[in-house]
Amino acid sequence: MKYDITPIIEALIMLFSTIITIFIIPKISKILQEKLTAEQRENLGRWVKVAVDAAEQLYGSKTGLQKKEYVVNFLLSKGIVVDIDEVTALIESEVYKLTNEKSNKL
């Protein structure tokens, strides 16, 4: 007696395709997105450091608000558009590092 297992194989292929589509592809996408975000954050951090150093050099004793405005405009000129809270945190972090470097030199 011969059995046709084609419908069973087709059902298994559809099941595996569904599992891959629902579970595996979104996980791979998330991993790639996180990696891209990490690379973007690293790049953003470098540009913020450059901009903070430049603002300190250019504006010296002027207020922090003017320096922050310079940094934000610098980032925008580089085509970097990010959340202002994130940029503010990165700026504050760089200013803190810069302040500590100055106090350690004294």
C-alpha atoms as a PDB file:
ATOM      1  CA  MET A   1       0.000   0.000   0.000  1.00  0.00           C
ATOM      2  CA  LYS A   2       1.385   3.391  -1.014  1.00  0.00           C
ATOM      3  CA  TYR A   3       0.885   6.522   1.047  1.00  0.00           C
ATOM      4  CA  ASP A   4       1.093  10.033  -0.336  1.00  0.00           C
ATOM      5  CA  ILE A   5       2.934  12.088   2.277  1.00  0.00           C
ATOM      6  CA  THR A   6       3.031  15.250   0.144  1.00  0.00           C
ATOM      7  CA  PRO A   7       0.271  17.001   2.174  1.00  0.00           C
ATOM      8  CA  ILE A   8       2.157  16.244   5.401  1.00  0.00           C
ATOM      9  CA  ILE A   9       5.409  17.642   3.993  1.00  0.00           C
ATOM     10  CA  GLU A  10       3.598  20.727   2.697  1.00  0.00           C
ATOM     11  CA  ALA A  11       2.013  21.267   6.111  1.00  0.00           C
ATOM     12  CA  LEU A  12       5.401  20.933   7.831  1.00  0.00           C
ATOM     13  CA  ILE A  13       6.974  23.406   5.405  1.00  0.00           C
ATOM     14  CA  MET A  14       4.163  25.867   6.074  1.00  0.00           C
ATOM     15  CA  LEU A  15       4.547  25.348   9.826  1.00  0.00           C
ATOM     16  CA  PHE A  16       8.317  25.977   9.685  1.00  0.00           C
ATOM     17  CA  SER A  17       7.796  29.016   7.459  1.00  0.00           C
ATOM     18  CA  THR A  18       5.294  30.435   9.915  1.00  0.00           C
ATOM     19  CA  ILE A  19       7.611  29.823  12.880  1.00  0.00           C
ATOM     20  CA  ILE A  20      10.511  31.482  11.053  1.00  0.00           C
ATOM     21  CA  THR A  21       8.358  34.454  10.059  1.00  0.00           C
ATOM     22  CA  ILE A  22       6.827  34.959  13.503  1.00  0.00           C
ATOM     23  CA  PHE A  23       9.773  34.242  15.797  1.00  0.00           C
ATOM     24  CA  ILE A  24      13.150  34.120  14.085  1.00  0.00           C
ATOM     25  CA  ILE A  25      13.000  37.025  11.614  1.00  0.00           C
ATOM     26  CA  PRO A  26      11.857  39.573  14.251  1.00  0.00           C
ATOM     27  CA  LYS A  27      14.660  38.451  16.600  1.00  0.00           C
ATOM     28  CA  ILE A  28      17.260  38.823  13.841  1.00  0.00           C
ATOM     29  CA  SER A  29      15.806  42.208  12.936  1.00  0.00           C
ATOM     30  CA  LYS A  30      15.963  43.341  16.570  1.00  0.00           C
ATOM     31  CA  ILE A  31      19.582  42.206  16.901  1.00  0.00           C
ATOM     32  CA  LEU A  32      20.551  44.073  13.745  1.00  0.00           C
ATOM     33  CA  GLN A  33      18.662  47.163  14.881  1.00  0.00           C
ATOM     34  CA  GLU A  34      20.382  47.102  18.289  1.00  0.00           C
ATOM     35  CA  LYS A  35      23.767  46.762  16.630  1.00  0.00           C
ATOM     36  CA  LEU A  36      23.033  49.646  14.307  1.00  0.00           C
ATOM     37  CA  THR A  37      21.834  51.699  17.250  1.00  0.00           C
ATOM     38  CA  ALA A  38      25.014  50.894  19.174  1.00  0.00           C
ATOM     39  CA  GLU A  39      27.129  51.990  16.220  1.00  0.00           C
ATOM     40  CA  GLN A  40      25.071  55.155  15.868  1.00  0.00           C
ATOM     41  CA  ARG A  41      25.415  55.886  19.580  1.00  0.00           C
ATOM     42  CA  GLU A  42      29.177  55.442  19.399  1.00  0.00           C
ATOM     43  CA  ASN A  43      29.317  57.766  16.411  1.00  0.00           C
ATOM     44  CA  LEU A  44      27.063  60.273  18.166  1.00  0.00           C
ATOM     45  CA  GLY A  45      29.291  60.158  21.246  1.00  0.00           C
ATOM     46  CA  ARG A  46      32.347  60.996  19.142  1.00  0.00           C
ATOM     47  CA  TRP A  47      30.606  63.934  17.469  1.00  0.00           C
ATOM     48  CA  VAL A  48      29.325  65.243  20.806  1.00  0.00           C
ATOM     49  CA  LYS A  49      32.865  65.134  22.222  1.00  0.00           C
ATOM     50  CA  VAL A  50      34.190  67.061  19.221  1.00  0.00           C
ATOM     51  CA  ALA A  51      31.375  69.610  19.486  1.00  0.00           C
ATOM     52  CA  VAL A  52      31.767  70.080  23.265  1.00  0.00           C
ATOM     53  CA  ASP A  53      35.520  70.583  22.911  1.00  0.00           C
ATOM     54  CA  ALA A  54      34.920  73.081  20.100  1.00  0.00           C
ATOM     55  CA  ALA A  55      32.270  74.942  22.119  1.00  0.00           C
ATOM     56  CA  GLU A  56      34.634  75.203  25.088  1.00  0.00           C
ATOM     57  CA  GLN A  57      37.373  76.526  22.846  1.00  0.00           C
ATOM     58  CA  LEU A  58      35.129  78.993  21.016  1.00  0.00           C
ATOM     59  CA  TYR A  59      32.961  80.276  23.858  1.00  0.00           C
ATOM     60  CA  GLY A  60      35.183  79.816  26.929  1.00  0.00           C
ATOM     61  CA  SER A  61      33.440  81.732  29.711  1.00  0.00           C
ATOM     62  CA  LYS A  62      30.026  82.133  28.056  1.00  0.00           C
ATOM     63  CA  THR A  63      27.016  80.377  29.511  1.00  0.00           C
ATOM     64  CA  GLY A  64      26.391  76.686  29.164  1.00  0.00           C
ATOM     65  CA  LEU A  65      23.196  77.405  27.266  1.00  0.00           C
ATOM     66  CA  GLN A  66      25.133  79.102  24.437  1.00  0.00           C
ATOM     67  CA  LYS A  67      27.576  76.194  24.324  1.00  0.00           C
ATOM     68  CA  LYS A  68      24.738  73.665  24.291  1.00  0.00           C
ATOM     69  CA  GLU A  69      23.097  75.538  21.431  1.00  0.00           C
ATOM     70  CA  TYR A  70      26.388  75.401  19.542  1.00  0.00           C
ATOM     71  CA  VAL A  71      26.671  71.631  20.109  1.00  0.00           C
ATOM     72  CA  VAL A  72      23.092  70.985  18.979  1.00  0.00           C
ATOM     73  CA  ASN A  73      23.558  73.130  15.857  1.00  0.00           C
ATOM     74  CA  PHE A  74      26.861  71.385  15.131  1.00  0.00           C
ATOM     75  CA  LEU A  75      25.188  67.974  15.316  1.00  0.00           C
ATOM     76  CA  LEU A  76      22.349  69.137  13.087  1.00  0.00           C
ATOM     77  CA  SER A  77      24.887  70.438  10.552  1.00  0.00           C
ATOM     78  CA  LYS A  78      26.344  66.917  10.448  1.00  0.00           C
ATOM     79  CA  GLY A  79      22.906  65.497   9.695  1.00  0.00           C
ATOM     80  CA  ILE A  80      22.550  63.960  13.140  1.00  0.00           C
ATOM     81  CA  VAL A  81      18.993  64.265  14.399  1.00  0.00           C
ATOM     82  CA  VAL A  82      18.399  62.728  17.815  1.00  0.00           C
ATOM     83  CA  ASP A  83      16.302  63.084  20.915  1.00  0.00           C
ATOM     84  CA  ILE A  84      17.231  66.300  22.761  1.00  0.00           C
ATOM     85  CA  ASP A  85      17.238  64.500  26.127  1.00  0.00           C
ATOM     86  CA  GLU A  86      19.779  61.992  24.838  1.00  0.00           C
ATOM     87  CA  VAL A  87      21.976  64.760  23.436  1.00  0.00           C
ATOM     88  CA  THR A  88      21.707  66.689  26.689  1.00  0.00           C
ATOM     89  CA  ALA A  89      22.831  63.639  28.660  1.00  0.00           C
ATOM     90  CA  LEU A  90      25.777  63.092  26.320  1.00  0.00           C
ATOM     91  CA  ILE A  91      26.749  66.766  26.519  1.00  0.00           C
ATOM     92  CA  GLU A  92      26.591  66.721  30.313  1.00  0.00           C
ATOM     93  CA  SER A  93      28.719  63.586  30.360  1.00  0.00           C
ATOM     94  CA  GLU A  94      31.371  65.183  28.150  1.00  0.00           C
ATOM     95  CA  VAL A  95      31.356  68.417  30.158  1.00  0.00           C
ATOM     96  CA  TYR A  96      31.783  66.380  33.355  1.00  0.00           C
ATOM     97  CA  LYS A  97      34.765  64.543  31.831  1.00  0.00           C
ATOM     98  CA  LEU A  98      36.243  67.825  30.619  1.00  0.00           C
ATOM     99  CA  THR A  99      35.817  69.455  34.034  1.00  0.00           C
ATOM    100  CA  ASN A 100      37.457  66.513  35.767  1.00  0.00           C
ATOM    101  CA  GLU A 101      40.378  66.582  33.326  1.00  0.00           C
ATOM    102  CA  LYS A 102      40.928  70.286  34.061  1.00  0.00           C
ATOM    103  CA  SER A 103      40.774  69.794  37.841  1.00  0.00           C
ATOM    104  CA  ASN A 104      43.189  66.840  37.662  1.00  0.00           C
ATOM    105  CA  LYS A 105      45.718  68.960  35.797  1.00  0.00           C
ATOM    106  CA  LEU A 106      45.731  71.550  38.571  1.00  0.00           C
END
